[in-house]
Amino acid sequence: MSTEQAPSPGLGRTLAVQVADRLARRVLVGVNWTLVEGPDGCGLAQTPARDGAGCHPLGEAGSYAGRGLKALAELVESHNRFEAAIGWAAINAHFNHRDLTGPATNGLDLLAQTDGPGRSVVVGRFPDLERSLPGALVIEREPREGEYPESAAAELLPGASRVGITASALFNGSAERLIALARGARIALIGPSTPLAPQLHDLGIAILAGMVVDRADEAARVVAEAGAVKALKRCGRFVALVR
């Protein structure tokens, strides 16, 4: 799911203040993904579309690597969405560290284990959705046949039992509204750029299904060469934190 609204930094600010102020070794803004490498791991964030609102050339390009991770994380509040993506990637470089362990179970499969009479709703388009959550209703900005537009969230999320939200909702500013609408459901935040931060459990997100990068150099090459999720998978492992 994507949108042109300005990012809402509330969740990002909550996480940024907890990032350790350690050196950022590498910063890459690729066509599809943004990467920040810290001393303990790499963080990923989805790069916003170049022609989107708030996307401007970075006047300080060449200076981001070598800054502290905390200073980079605070860029989640930047009005330049490329800088905000660097901020989210820095947050993930802190939380999605190489030593983190957890089940590699698909976030949608974990969500499917939730009982309840309400519907299943997924914000964003995921592969193998019908296998994991048969009959789930899909909300997308550009809906295909059988899917729903963003405006349907206010109607479909309240009363749902299971809600999956793409991690890109963090970056485009819609996550907090979606979480509020889905209150009472079991919520999963899903995608390689999901912050594996237990603090998010306290905000109503029961399942955090993200990625830990184990091979930083390989991930950096994939990002620099406009790779997508399929190529990133070989650079690390998926990890889920469940409450």
Protein backbone atom coordinates (compact mmCIF):
# COMPACT_ATOMS: atom_id res chain seq x y z
CA MET A 1 0.00 0.00 0.00
CA SER A 2 1.28 3.44 -0.87
CA THR A 3 0.04 6.96 -0.42
CA GLU A 4 1.19 10.51 -1.06
CA GLN A 5 0.28 11.87 2.38
CA ALA A 6 3.06 13.31 4.49
CA PRO A 7 4.70 10.88 6.90
CA SER A 8 3.51 10.93 10.48
CA PRO A 9 6.62 10.55 12.64
CA GLY A 10 4.88 9.54 15.88
CA LEU A 11 5.88 5.87 15.86
CA GLY A 12 9.25 6.73 14.38
CA ARG A 13 9.95 9.29 17.08
CA THR A 14 9.03 6.74 19.75
CA LEU A 15 11.64 4.33 18.37
CA ALA A 16 14.30 6.89 17.40
CA VAL A 17 14.84 8.05 20.97
CA GLN A 18 15.87 4.50 21.88
CA VAL A 19 18.53 4.13 19.19
CA ALA A 20 22.10 3.93 20.49
CA ASP A 21 24.36 6.72 19.24
CA ARG A 22 26.87 4.55 17.44
CA LEU A 23 28.58 5.08 14.11
CA ALA A 24 26.72 4.48 10.86
CA ARG A 25 29.20 2.77 8.56
CA ARG A 26 27.24 2.90 5.32
CA VAL A 27 24.16 4.64 3.93
CA LEU A 28 22.61 3.75 0.57
CA VAL A 29 19.46 5.12 -1.02
CA GLY A 30 18.57 2.73 -3.82
CA VAL A 31 15.70 2.74 -6.26
CA ASN A 32 13.66 0.28 -4.20
CA TRP A 33 15.32 0.13 -0.79
CA THR A 34 17.29 2.34 1.55
CA LEU A 35 19.99 0.74 3.71
CA VAL A 36 21.85 1.92 6.79
CA GLU A 37 24.61 -0.22 8.26
CA GLY A 38 25.57 0.18 11.89
CA PRO A 39 28.10 -1.74 13.98
CA ASP A 40 25.60 -4.45 14.94
CA GLY A 41 23.48 -4.82 11.83
CA CYS A 42 21.81 -3.37 8.75
CA GLY A 43 18.45 -1.70 8.57
CA LEU A 44 16.18 -1.49 5.54
CA ALA A 45 13.41 0.91 4.60
CA GLN A 46 11.40 1.18 1.43
CA THR A 47 12.61 4.05 -0.75
CA PRO A 48 9.75 6.40 -1.66
CA ALA A 49 8.93 6.93 -5.32
CA ARG A 50 11.12 9.66 -6.75
CA ASP A 51 8.19 11.60 -8.18
CA GLY A 52 6.22 11.47 -4.93
CA ALA A 53 5.36 14.45 -2.76
CA GLY A 54 8.20 15.49 -0.46
CA CYS A 55 10.91 13.65 -2.41
CA HIS A 56 13.81 16.01 -3.13
CA PRO A 57 17.53 15.55 -3.88
CA LEU A 58 19.57 15.29 -0.70
CA GLY A 59 21.62 18.44 -0.31
CA GLU A 60 23.86 16.74 2.25
CA ALA A 61 24.47 13.61 0.19
CA GLY A 62 27.90 12.19 0.96
CA SER A 63 27.71 13.14 4.64
CA TYR A 64 25.26 10.62 6.08
CA ALA A 65 27.66 7.69 6.49
CA GLY A 66 29.85 8.43 9.48
CA ARG A 67 27.10 10.13 11.46
CA GLY A 68 25.68 8.58 14.60
CA LEU A 69 22.81 6.14 14.20
CA LYS A 70 20.73 8.18 16.63
CA ALA A 71 21.16 11.35 14.58
CA LEU A 72 20.15 9.45 11.45
CA ALA A 73 17.17 7.87 13.21
CA GLU A 74 15.89 11.34 14.09
CA LEU A 75 15.55 12.02 10.37
CA VAL A 76 12.21 10.18 10.49
CA GLU A 77 10.82 13.66 11.21
CA SER A 78 12.36 15.15 8.05
CA HIS A 79 10.00 16.68 5.49
CA ASN A 80 12.22 15.18 2.79
CA ARG A 81 10.95 11.64 2.40
CA PHE A 82 14.34 10.35 1.23
CA GLU A 83 15.82 11.55 4.53
CA ALA A 84 12.88 10.05 6.42
CA ALA A 85 13.65 6.70 4.76
CA ILE A 86 17.23 6.97 6.00
CA GLY A 87 15.80 7.58 9.47
CA TRP A 88 13.68 4.43 9.36
CA ALA A 89 16.59 2.37 8.04
CA ALA A 90 18.74 3.66 10.91
CA ILE A 91 16.06 2.62 13.40
CA ASN A 92 16.09 -0.86 11.90
CA ALA A 93 19.89 -0.99 11.97
CA HIS A 94 19.54 -0.67 15.74
CA PHE A 95 16.62 -3.00 16.42
CA ASN A 96 17.08 -5.64 13.68
CA HIS A 97 20.60 -6.51 14.81
CA ARG A 98 22.50 -9.63 13.78
CA ASP A 99 22.21 -11.30 17.20
CA LEU A 100 18.42 -11.17 17.20
CA THR A 101 16.71 -14.54 17.06
CA GLY A 102 13.12 -15.67 16.72
CA PRO A 103 10.91 -17.95 14.68
CA ALA A 104 11.19 -17.60 10.92
CA THR A 105 7.45 -18.14 10.51
CA ASN A 106 5.68 -16.05 7.90
CA GLY A 107 3.74 -13.20 9.50
CA LEU A 108 0.56 -14.08 7.63
CA ASP A 109 0.81 -17.69 8.80
CA LEU A 110 1.09 -16.48 12.39
CA LEU A 111 -1.92 -14.26 11.88
CA ALA A 112 -3.89 -17.19 10.52
CA GLN A 113 -3.51 -18.97 13.86
CA THR A 114 -5.72 -16.34 15.50
CA ASP A 115 -9.26 -17.47 16.22
CA GLY A 116 -12.18 -15.09 16.05
CA PRO A 117 -15.45 -14.60 14.21
CA GLY A 118 -14.41 -11.36 12.55
CA ARG A 119 -12.98 -10.99 9.08
CA SER A 120 -9.34 -11.05 8.00
CA VAL A 121 -8.12 -7.80 6.43
CA VAL A 122 -4.72 -7.14 4.89
CA VAL A 123 -3.41 -3.68 4.05
CA GLY A 124 -0.98 -4.17 1.19
CA ARG A 125 -0.59 -6.91 -1.39
CA PHE A 126 1.36 -9.97 -0.24
CA PRO A 127 2.42 -13.09 -2.16
CA ASP A 128 0.73 -16.36 -1.16
CA LEU A 129 -1.97 -14.45 0.71
CA GLU A 130 -4.73 -16.82 -0.35
CA ARG A 131 -2.73 -19.78 0.98
CA SER A 132 -2.08 -18.18 4.36
CA LEU A 133 -5.34 -16.28 4.90
CA PRO A 134 -8.02 -17.62 2.57
CA GLY A 135 -10.74 -15.08 1.94
CA ALA A 136 -8.83 -12.14 3.40
CA LEU A 137 -9.97 -8.71 2.21
CA VAL A 138 -7.18 -6.67 0.63
CA ILE A 139 -6.89 -2.88 0.85
CA GLU A 140 -4.64 -1.22 -1.74
CA ARG A 141 -4.08 2.27 -3.08
CA GLU A 142 -4.45 0.97 -6.62
CA PRO A 143 -6.82 -1.94 -6.09
CA ARG A 144 -7.10 -4.75 -8.57
CA GLU A 145 -10.29 -6.65 -9.20
CA GLY A 146 -11.63 -7.99 -5.91
CA GLU A 147 -9.56 -5.57 -3.78
CA TYR A 148 -10.62 -2.45 -1.91
CA PRO A 149 -9.37 1.17 -2.04
CA GLU A 150 -7.71 2.91 0.90
CA SER A 151 -10.98 4.67 1.71
CA ALA A 152 -12.51 1.32 2.69
CA ALA A 153 -10.20 0.97 5.71
CA ALA A 154 -12.59 2.88 7.97
CA GLU A 155 -15.31 0.36 7.16
CA LEU A 156 -13.36 -2.90 6.96
CA LEU A 157 -10.88 -2.66 9.85
CA PRO A 158 -13.26 -2.09 12.80
CA GLY A 159 -14.61 -5.45 13.88
CA ALA A 160 -11.92 -7.48 12.11
CA SER A 161 -10.30 -10.34 14.03
CA ARG A 162 -7.05 -10.50 12.05
CA VAL A 163 -5.30 -7.54 10.42
CA GLY A 164 -2.03 -7.62 8.50
CA ILE A 165 -0.36 -4.30 7.69
CA THR A 166 2.56 -3.80 5.33
CA ALA A 167 5.56 -2.16 6.99
CA SER A 168 5.50 0.51 4.29
CA ALA A 169 2.55 2.00 6.18
CA LEU A 170 5.10 3.20 8.74
CA PHE A 171 6.91 5.24 6.13
CA ASN A 172 3.92 6.73 4.37
CA GLY A 173 2.27 7.93 7.56
CA SER A 174 -0.81 5.70 7.57
CA ALA A 175 0.22 3.14 10.21
CA GLU A 176 -1.09 4.92 13.30
CA ARG A 177 -4.53 5.47 11.78
CA LEU A 178 -4.73 1.87 10.59
CA ILE A 179 -3.74 0.52 14.01
CA ALA A 180 -6.36 2.71 15.67
CA LEU A 181 -9.06 1.52 13.27
CA ALA A 182 -8.09 -2.12 13.88
CA ARG A 183 -8.12 -1.86 17.65
CA GLY A 184 -9.38 -5.11 19.13
CA ALA A 185 -8.00 -7.21 16.28
CA ARG A 186 -4.79 -9.19 16.35
CA ILE A 187 -2.47 -7.02 14.29
CA ALA A 188 0.64 -8.07 12.40
CA LEU A 189 3.19 -5.67 10.89
CA ILE A 190 4.83 -7.47 7.99
CA GLY A 191 7.75 -6.88 5.64
CA PRO A 192 11.57 -6.74 5.51
CA SER A 193 11.53 -3.20 6.92
CA THR A 194 9.43 -4.01 9.98
CA PRO A 195 11.25 -2.75 13.10
CA LEU A 196 11.76 -5.75 15.37
CA ALA A 197 11.20 -3.56 18.41
CA PRO A 198 9.27 -5.13 21.32
CA GLN A 199 8.08 -1.63 22.24
CA LEU A 200 5.66 -1.82 19.32
CA HIS A 201 3.78 -4.60 21.09
CA ASP A 202 2.66 -2.01 23.64
CA LEU A 203 1.11 0.04 20.83
CA GLY A 204 -1.20 -2.79 19.82
CA ILE A 205 0.91 -4.72 17.30
CA ALA A 206 0.96 -8.37 18.38
CA ILE A 207 3.14 -9.76 15.58
CA LEU A 208 6.28 -8.13 14.19
CA ALA A 209 7.50 -10.03 11.14
CA GLY A 210 10.65 -8.48 9.70
CA MET A 211 14.13 -9.25 8.43
CA VAL A 212 17.58 -9.49 9.97
CA VAL A 213 20.40 -8.86 7.47
CA ASP A 214 23.30 -11.26 8.05
CA ARG A 215 25.38 -10.36 4.97
CA ALA A 216 25.74 -6.60 4.85
CA ASP A 217 28.00 -6.38 1.80
CA GLU A 218 25.67 -8.54 -0.27
CA ALA A 219 22.62 -6.57 0.87
CA ALA A 220 24.36 -3.32 -0.06
CA ARG A 221 25.04 -4.63 -3.57
CA VAL A 222 21.41 -5.68 -3.96
CA VAL A 223 20.18 -2.25 -2.85
CA ALA A 224 22.66 -0.41 -5.08
CA GLU A 225 21.63 -2.54 -8.08
CA ALA A 226 17.89 -1.84 -7.63
CA GLY A 227 17.10 -5.26 -6.18
CA ALA A 228 13.72 -6.11 -4.72
CA VAL A 229 12.58 -8.35 -1.85
CA LYS A 230 13.35 -11.57 -3.72
CA ALA A 231 17.03 -10.61 -4.02
CA LEU A 232 17.24 -9.37 -0.43
CA LYS A 233 16.01 -12.69 0.96
CA ARG A 234 19.38 -14.33 0.35
CA CYS A 235 21.11 -11.65 2.43
CA GLY A 236 19.51 -12.57 5.75
CA ARG A 237 16.60 -14.25 7.47
CA PHE A 238 13.07 -13.47 8.44
CA VAL A 239 12.37 -13.18 12.16
CA ALA A 240 9.07 -12.81 13.99
CA LEU A 241 8.48 -11.39 17.45
CA VAL A 242 5.14 -12.46 18.87
CA ARG A 243 3.22 -11.39 21.94
